[in-house]
Amino acid sequence: MDTFKRNQWSDISNMTTIKTNVFVFVDTNWPFYWIVDYVSYVLQNLNIHPYASTVTLFAASDASVIVNTTDYIVDVYQQWNFTSHYWHPPGFNLPTILNTLSTRVEELLAVEAAADNLGGHSLVALLIPSPTSYVDENDYDYSRRYLDRLRYSLPNLHFIYYGGGALVRFHDFVREPSRDLLVLNLDKPAEECGAPVITRIRQVPRRISNPRCYSNGAVSEYGSNSLEQYGRLGSINFYRLDSLYLPTRQSMRYLKITPVSQITFTVCTSRSIEMPFRNFTSSLRQDESCESTALGSFSYDLTDACVGYDWEPCPPLFFSVQAQSFGHVSCTQAACQTPDEAQYIISLNNLGSVFLIIGPFEQTIY
């Protein structure tokens, strides 16, 4: 087993490769030439690539599209410019943003389901309000109720505000204000403002979805689905499997990690720690378990994953796959961004589904 120097663990997210679907909403009250470098710096560091991240850019006032979904960063530079910026009305309308996000994410999940795809990307809404943006008191209750619904129906969707002024005004619209409200200060360089945003996006785990789950919550049929994944030597990829896909007891429901490359991976799991990992210089934390694939595939039983959670929410399963830091790998597949990426397969068997509508509350379990 390999070991890592202590200073490498100061921010474990630095050891992961970003793979995200990010939806950006920018208030065009920001003068284009003031804001463009601050947004571009973040996007340049999100690994936007045909086999990695995608970005969609909207106006925050009416959710009109500035740059449609793309996995090429050059599309952002070509389509978002001084002229196109001012084609879109200024302002910040959170209810419109939430409705658009819900529709876009449901469309994304439908495409993945049609392709029998487990996902493998994090899901981030990056909101960029100007210093004058705020949520009208008439929209406050609606937005809070809508966010409560999204936290049940789309729990992997993570909101980050990267804006001007006192961001405490958006305190009630994020899960962790101390981590999800990040200041865009024009008196500081774009790199200094953008770095915490990139770090926060790195920390959002890649989501794992059930492609057999229809939009009404029904499961087409139980079975197995697989997802090829890649990681550079010494890197760690973090994942989240939400409890929506683990309702009731189901036999032969399990997670499996199978190495393809001839190296050893360490797989860590937790029901409470968002980024479980193996630090070989210290002991495991409470509710953190790690196993090596040195003797073969790793399996995690999900048969009773949500049994006994009658009066409290069933937590998701967080897991990570950590590649050893040495060895010889040579990846020639198109999905490999560098030749030293090792391959493994995530398999999930007999996932279920819960269909939720909040307000009025409705729940259907399959």
Protein backbone atom coordinates (compact mmCIF):
# COMPACT_ATOMS: atom_id res chain seq x y z
CA MET A 1 0.00 0.00 0.00
CA ASP A 2 1.27 3.47 -0.78
CA THR A 3 1.53 6.36 1.64
CA PHE A 4 1.14 10.08 1.18
CA LYS A 5 2.99 12.98 2.72
CA ARG A 6 1.10 14.71 5.48
CA ASN A 7 0.92 18.05 3.68
CA GLN A 8 -0.98 16.45 0.82
CA TRP A 9 -3.96 15.93 3.14
CA SER A 10 -4.40 19.60 4.13
CA ASP A 11 -7.15 19.87 1.51
CA ILE A 12 -8.05 16.44 0.23
CA SER A 13 -10.15 17.92 -2.60
CA ASN A 14 -6.90 18.94 -4.33
CA MET A 15 -6.36 15.24 -5.06
CA THR A 16 -9.55 14.82 -7.06
CA THR A 17 -10.32 15.60 -10.69
CA ILE A 18 -13.31 17.87 -11.21
CA LYS A 19 -16.08 16.27 -13.22
CA THR A 20 -19.23 18.37 -12.95
CA ASN A 21 -22.34 19.62 -14.70
CA VAL A 22 -22.37 23.28 -13.70
CA PHE A 23 -25.24 25.69 -14.36
CA VAL A 24 -24.12 29.32 -14.08
CA PHE A 25 -26.57 32.21 -13.59
CA VAL A 26 -25.02 35.67 -13.94
CA ASP A 27 -26.75 38.95 -13.15
CA THR A 28 -26.07 41.16 -16.17
CA ASN A 29 -26.16 44.18 -13.87
CA TRP A 30 -22.48 43.34 -13.61
CA PRO A 31 -20.64 45.30 -16.35
CA PHE A 32 -19.28 42.68 -18.73
CA TYR A 33 -15.67 43.80 -18.64
CA TRP A 34 -15.74 43.90 -14.83
CA ILE A 35 -17.03 40.37 -14.39
CA VAL A 36 -15.75 38.33 -17.32
CA ASP A 37 -12.28 37.56 -15.92
CA TYR A 38 -13.70 36.48 -12.55
CA VAL A 39 -16.15 34.04 -14.12
CA SER A 40 -13.77 32.83 -16.82
CA TYR A 41 -11.07 32.01 -14.28
CA VAL A 42 -13.43 29.67 -12.46
CA LEU A 43 -14.71 28.01 -15.62
CA GLN A 44 -11.17 27.52 -16.96
CA ASN A 45 -10.42 25.42 -13.89
CA LEU A 46 -13.51 23.19 -13.95
CA ASN A 47 -12.08 20.71 -16.45
CA ILE A 48 -14.63 21.50 -19.17
CA HIS A 49 -13.93 18.73 -21.65
CA PRO A 50 -15.92 16.24 -23.78
CA TYR A 51 -15.12 13.47 -21.28
CA ALA A 52 -15.34 15.58 -18.16
CA SER A 53 -17.33 18.71 -17.21
CA THR A 54 -20.08 20.67 -18.95
CA VAL A 55 -21.22 24.26 -18.43
CA THR A 56 -24.43 26.14 -19.21
CA LEU A 57 -24.58 29.94 -18.80
CA PHE A 58 -27.86 31.80 -18.14
CA ALA A 59 -28.97 35.32 -17.36
CA ALA A 60 -30.07 35.43 -13.72
CA SER A 61 -33.05 37.70 -14.40
CA ASP A 62 -35.12 35.47 -16.69
CA ALA A 63 -32.95 32.32 -17.10
CA SER A 64 -32.53 33.04 -20.78
CA VAL A 65 -29.61 31.12 -22.26
CA ILE A 66 -26.36 32.97 -22.88
CA VAL A 67 -24.29 29.84 -23.65
CA ASN A 68 -26.12 26.55 -24.11
CA THR A 69 -24.74 23.39 -22.55
CA THR A 70 -21.26 22.70 -23.83
CA ASP A 71 -18.19 20.66 -22.98
CA TYR A 72 -15.86 23.05 -24.83
CA ILE A 73 -14.60 26.11 -22.95
CA VAL A 74 -14.02 27.91 -26.26
CA ASP A 75 -17.81 28.03 -26.75
CA VAL A 76 -18.07 30.21 -23.66
CA TYR A 77 -15.47 32.64 -25.01
CA GLN A 78 -17.15 32.80 -28.40
CA GLN A 79 -20.79 33.09 -27.29
CA TRP A 80 -20.50 35.21 -24.15
CA ASN A 81 -19.18 38.62 -25.09
CA PHE A 82 -19.91 42.30 -24.56
CA THR A 83 -22.77 42.28 -27.04
CA SER A 84 -24.48 39.06 -25.97
CA HIS A 85 -24.11 39.99 -22.30
CA TYR A 86 -26.36 43.02 -22.78
CA TRP A 87 -28.91 41.17 -24.90
CA HIS A 88 -30.22 39.78 -21.64
CA PRO A 89 -32.10 41.87 -19.07
CA PRO A 90 -30.34 42.68 -15.79
CA GLY A 91 -31.59 41.38 -12.46
CA PHE A 92 -31.78 38.34 -10.23
CA ASN A 93 -34.95 36.23 -10.02
CA LEU A 94 -34.45 33.24 -7.74
CA PRO A 95 -37.85 31.55 -8.41
CA THR A 96 -37.15 31.62 -12.15
CA ILE A 97 -33.66 30.24 -11.56
CA LEU A 98 -35.04 27.39 -9.44
CA ASN A 99 -37.71 26.46 -11.97
CA THR A 100 -35.18 26.46 -14.80
CA LEU A 101 -32.71 24.38 -12.82
CA SER A 102 -35.35 21.80 -11.98
CA THR A 103 -36.31 21.45 -15.64
CA ARG A 104 -32.70 21.31 -16.87
CA VAL A 105 -31.63 18.71 -14.32
CA GLU A 106 -34.65 16.53 -15.02
CA GLU A 107 -33.79 16.70 -18.73
CA LEU A 108 -30.20 15.74 -17.94
CA LEU A 109 -31.33 12.75 -15.87
CA ALA A 110 -33.68 11.68 -18.66
CA VAL A 111 -30.80 11.72 -21.17
CA GLU A 112 -28.67 9.66 -18.78
CA ALA A 113 -31.51 7.20 -18.22
CA ALA A 114 -31.94 6.76 -21.97
CA ALA A 115 -28.21 6.02 -22.21
CA ASP A 116 -28.33 3.65 -19.21
CA ASN A 117 -25.82 5.96 -17.50
CA LEU A 118 -25.19 6.05 -13.74
CA GLY A 119 -24.07 9.70 -13.91
CA GLY A 120 -20.62 10.21 -12.42
CA HIS A 121 -20.67 14.03 -12.40
CA SER A 122 -21.30 16.43 -9.57
CA LEU A 123 -24.23 18.79 -10.02
CA VAL A 124 -23.63 22.47 -9.23
CA ALA A 125 -25.67 25.65 -9.56
CA LEU A 126 -23.28 28.62 -9.50
CA LEU A 127 -25.19 31.85 -8.91
CA ILE A 128 -23.41 35.16 -9.55
CA PRO A 129 -25.50 38.00 -8.12
CA SER A 130 -24.40 41.60 -8.46
CA PRO A 131 -24.03 43.77 -5.34
CA THR A 132 -27.59 45.04 -5.92
CA SER A 133 -29.18 41.59 -6.35
CA TYR A 134 -31.54 40.34 -3.67
CA VAL A 135 -34.52 38.03 -3.20
CA ASP A 136 -37.76 39.99 -2.97
CA GLU A 137 -39.78 39.29 0.19
CA ASN A 138 -42.66 38.15 -2.03
CA ASP A 139 -40.36 35.47 -3.47
CA TYR A 140 -38.74 34.46 -0.20
CA ASP A 141 -41.27 31.87 1.01
CA TYR A 142 -41.74 30.40 -2.47
CA SER A 143 -37.99 30.01 -2.91
CA ARG A 144 -37.54 28.40 0.51
CA ARG A 145 -40.34 25.89 -0.17
CA TYR A 146 -38.94 25.14 -3.62
CA LEU A 147 -35.46 24.55 -2.22
CA ASP A 148 -36.89 22.23 0.43
CA ARG A 149 -38.51 20.25 -2.35
CA LEU A 150 -35.31 20.13 -4.40
CA ARG A 151 -33.37 18.84 -1.39
CA TYR A 152 -35.64 15.80 -1.45
CA SER A 153 -36.20 15.30 -5.16
CA LEU A 154 -32.74 16.42 -6.41
CA PRO A 155 -30.53 16.09 -3.31
CA ASN A 156 -27.32 16.04 -5.36
CA LEU A 157 -27.91 19.56 -6.71
CA HIS A 158 -25.59 21.91 -4.83
CA PHE A 159 -25.98 25.71 -4.74
CA ILE A 160 -22.99 28.06 -4.53
CA TYR A 161 -23.22 31.86 -4.54
CA TYR A 162 -20.25 33.79 -5.95
CA GLY A 163 -21.33 37.37 -5.76
CA GLY A 164 -20.85 40.96 -4.80
CA GLY A 165 -21.87 42.79 -1.65
CA ALA A 166 -22.91 41.29 1.68
CA LEU A 167 -23.83 37.71 0.79
CA VAL A 168 -25.57 37.20 4.13
CA ARG A 169 -28.73 38.15 2.22
CA PHE A 170 -28.60 34.69 0.60
CA HIS A 171 -27.92 32.88 3.88
CA ASP A 172 -31.25 31.03 3.86
CA PHE A 173 -30.83 29.63 0.35
CA VAL A 174 -27.76 27.42 0.83
CA ARG A 175 -26.99 24.36 2.94
CA GLU A 176 -23.74 25.63 4.47
CA PRO A 177 -23.43 29.42 4.36
CA SER A 178 -19.83 29.41 5.61
CA ARG A 179 -18.79 27.28 2.61
CA ASP A 180 -21.35 28.15 -0.07
CA LEU A 181 -21.39 31.97 0.05
CA LEU A 182 -18.21 33.22 -1.63
CA VAL A 183 -17.40 36.87 -2.25
CA LEU A 184 -16.55 38.28 -5.65
CA ASN A 185 -14.51 41.35 -4.80
CA LEU A 186 -13.43 43.44 -7.76
CA ASP A 187 -10.66 44.99 -5.66
CA LYS A 188 -8.90 41.60 -5.61
CA PRO A 189 -7.43 39.60 -8.51
CA ALA A 190 -9.68 37.08 -10.28
CA GLU A 191 -7.38 34.25 -9.17
CA GLU A 192 -7.74 35.16 -5.49
CA CYS A 193 -11.54 35.42 -5.66
CA GLY A 194 -12.01 32.39 -7.90
CA ALA A 195 -9.79 29.91 -6.06
CA PRO A 196 -12.25 29.28 -3.17
CA VAL A 197 -15.05 28.74 -5.70
CA ILE A 198 -13.03 26.11 -7.56
CA THR A 199 -12.12 24.43 -4.27
CA ARG A 200 -15.77 24.35 -3.18
CA ILE A 201 -16.84 22.78 -6.47
CA ARG A 202 -14.06 20.20 -6.09
CA GLN A 203 -15.56 19.25 -2.74
CA VAL A 204 -18.98 18.37 -4.16
CA PRO A 205 -19.05 14.57 -4.70
CA ARG A 206 -19.88 13.07 -8.07
CA ARG A 207 -23.48 11.90 -8.04
CA ILE A 208 -24.54 8.34 -8.76
CA SER A 209 -28.09 8.02 -10.11
CA ASN A 210 -30.37 5.14 -11.00
CA PRO A 211 -31.02 5.20 -14.77
CA ARG A 212 -33.81 2.66 -14.25
CA CYS A 213 -35.78 5.20 -12.23
CA TYR A 214 -38.44 7.01 -14.27
CA SER A 215 -39.51 10.59 -13.53
CA ASN A 216 -42.64 9.26 -11.78
CA GLY A 217 -40.48 7.14 -9.46
CA ALA A 218 -41.22 3.80 -11.09
CA VAL A 219 -38.35 1.38 -11.71
CA SER A 220 -38.33 -0.16 -15.19
CA GLU A 221 -36.89 -3.41 -13.83
CA TYR A 222 -34.27 -4.35 -11.29
CA GLY A 223 -30.84 -5.17 -12.58
CA SER A 224 -27.20 -4.12 -12.78
CA ASN A 225 -25.65 -0.97 -14.21
CA SER A 226 -21.98 -0.09 -14.62
CA LEU A 227 -19.93 3.06 -15.09
CA GLU A 228 -16.32 3.27 -16.29
CA GLN A 229 -14.24 5.73 -14.31
CA TYR A 230 -10.65 6.97 -14.45
CA GLY A 231 -8.21 8.47 -11.98
CA ARG A 232 -4.58 9.52 -12.12
CA LEU A 233 -2.09 7.71 -9.94
CA GLY A 234 -2.37 9.07 -6.41
CA SER A 235 -5.74 10.72 -7.03
CA ILE A 236 -9.07 10.24 -5.26
CA ASN A 237 -12.56 10.45 -6.76
CA PHE A 238 -15.49 11.09 -4.40
CA TYR A 239 -19.07 9.92 -4.97
CA ARG A 240 -22.52 10.18 -3.44
CA LEU A 241 -25.28 7.59 -3.83
CA ASP A 242 -28.44 9.12 -2.48
CA SER A 243 -30.89 7.24 -0.28
CA LEU A 244 -33.66 7.93 -2.81
CA TYR A 245 -32.29 4.90 -4.64
CA LEU A 246 -32.14 2.71 -1.51
CA PRO A 247 -35.75 2.54 -0.24
CA THR A 248 -37.04 -0.52 1.65
CA ARG A 249 -35.24 -3.82 1.82
CA GLN A 250 -34.08 -5.33 -1.47
CA SER A 251 -32.06 -8.50 -1.78
CA MET A 252 -28.92 -8.52 -3.91
CA ARG A 253 -28.61 -4.74 -3.77
CA TYR A 254 -24.94 -3.81 -3.66
CA LEU A 255 -22.14 -1.52 -4.82
CA LYS A 256 -19.09 -3.04 -6.49
CA ILE A 257 -15.77 -1.47 -7.49
CA THR A 258 -13.74 -3.54 -9.96
CA PRO A 259 -10.18 -2.57 -10.95
CA VAL A 260 -9.38 -2.70 -14.65
CA SER A 261 -5.84 -1.34 -14.52
CA GLN A 262 -3.22 -3.50 -12.83
CA ILE A 263 -2.87 -1.36 -9.72
CA THR A 264 -4.46 -1.33 -6.27
CA PHE A 265 -7.28 1.01 -5.31
CA THR A 266 -8.50 1.87 -1.83
CA VAL A 267 -12.27 2.24 -1.48
CA CYS A 268 -13.62 4.17 1.52
CA THR A 269 -17.25 4.46 2.60
CA SER A 270 -19.28 6.49 5.09
CA ARG A 271 -22.90 7.39 5.76
CA SER A 272 -22.03 10.75 7.34
CA ILE A 273 -18.59 11.92 6.09
CA GLU A 274 -18.97 13.58 2.69
CA MET A 275 -15.38 12.89 1.63
CA PRO A 276 -14.16 9.63 3.20
CA PHE A 277 -10.54 8.76 2.41
CA ARG A 278 -7.61 6.73 3.70
CA ASN A 279 -4.91 8.82 5.33
CA PHE A 280 -2.13 6.35 6.03
CA THR A 281 -0.53 8.66 8.59
CA SER A 282 -3.53 8.56 10.95
CA SER A 283 -6.36 6.28 12.02
CA LEU A 284 -9.78 6.14 10.40
CA ARG A 285 -12.43 8.53 11.63
CA GLN A 286 -15.67 7.35 13.22
CA ASP A 287 -18.14 6.07 10.59
CA GLU A 288 -15.36 5.69 8.01
CA SER A 289 -14.32 2.34 6.57
CA CYS A 290 -11.67 1.58 3.95
CA GLU A 291 -10.70 -1.56 2.06
CA SER A 292 -8.12 -2.39 -0.58
CA THR A 293 -8.76 -4.05 -3.94
CA ALA A 294 -5.41 -5.87 -3.70
CA LEU A 295 -7.23 -9.21 -3.44
CA GLY A 296 -10.00 -8.42 -5.91
CA SER A 297 -13.14 -6.33 -6.31
CA PHE A 298 -14.64 -4.35 -3.45
CA SER A 299 -18.31 -4.98 -2.58
CA TYR A 300 -20.63 -3.06 -0.25
CA ASP A 301 -23.97 -4.57 0.76
CA LEU A 302 -26.93 -2.19 0.32
CA THR A 303 -29.70 -4.70 1.08
CA ASP A 304 -30.81 -2.97 4.28
CA ALA A 305 -29.20 0.43 3.69
CA CYS A 306 -32.33 2.36 4.71
CA VAL A 307 -33.96 -0.13 7.07
CA GLY A 308 -34.60 1.33 10.54
CA TYR A 309 -34.76 4.98 9.46
CA ASP A 310 -38.42 5.43 10.36
CA TRP A 311 -38.21 8.74 12.22
CA GLU A 312 -35.18 10.34 10.63
CA PRO A 313 -33.97 10.68 7.03
CA CYS A 314 -31.97 7.81 5.64
CA PRO A 315 -28.47 9.18 4.87
CA PRO A 316 -26.75 8.79 1.50
CA LEU A 317 -23.77 6.54 0.95
CA PHE A 318 -20.57 8.51 0.42
CA PHE A 319 -17.67 6.61 -1.07
CA SER A 320 -14.31 7.28 -2.65
CA VAL A 321 -11.94 5.43 -4.94
CA GLN A 322 -8.27 6.17 -4.32
CA ALA A 323 -5.58 5.05 -6.77
CA GLN A 324 -2.16 4.06 -5.48
CA SER A 325 0.51 6.64 -6.23
CA PHE A 326 2.99 4.37 -8.00
CA GLY A 327 2.90 1.74 -10.71
CA HIS A 328 2.77 1.55 -14.48
CA VAL A 329 -0.41 2.42 -16.32
CA SER A 330 -0.87 3.41 -19.93
CA CYS A 331 -4.34 4.58 -20.85
CA THR A 332 -5.07 5.06 -24.53
CA GLN A 333 -8.86 5.34 -24.36
CA ALA A 334 -10.46 8.60 -25.41
CA ALA A 335 -11.96 9.14 -21.94
CA CYS A 336 -8.48 9.28 -20.41
CA GLN A 337 -7.29 12.86 -20.20
CA THR A 338 -3.72 11.83 -19.41
CA PRO A 339 -1.83 8.58 -20.14
CA ASP A 340 -1.26 7.89 -16.43
CA GLU A 341 -4.93 7.43 -15.60
CA ALA A 342 -6.00 4.12 -14.10
CA GLN A 343 -9.38 2.60 -14.88
CA TYR A 344 -11.99 0.99 -12.65
CA ILE A 345 -15.68 0.13 -12.95
CA ILE A 346 -18.47 1.13 -10.58
CA SER A 347 -21.35 -1.37 -10.63
CA LEU A 348 -24.67 -1.09 -8.80
CA ASN A 349 -27.22 -3.83 -8.59
CA ASN A 350 -30.97 -3.63 -7.90
CA LEU A 351 -31.24 0.05 -7.05
CA GLY A 352 -34.74 1.26 -6.20
CA SER A 353 -36.45 4.62 -6.40
CA VAL A 354 -38.53 7.07 -4.41
CA PHE A 355 -40.76 9.62 -6.13
CA LEU A 356 -41.33 12.75 -4.08
CA ILE A 357 -43.49 15.80 -4.55
CA ILE A 358 -43.20 18.32 -1.74
CA GLY A 359 -46.15 20.65 -1.03
CA PRO A 360 -48.46 18.84 -0.87
CA PHE A 361 -46.18 15.98 0.14
CA GLU A 362 -46.46 12.80 -1.84
CA GLN A 363 -44.21 9.75 -1.70
CA THR A 364 -44.16 6.62 -3.79
CA ILE A 365 -41.58 3.87 -3.16
CA TYR A 366 -40.41 1.28 -5.69
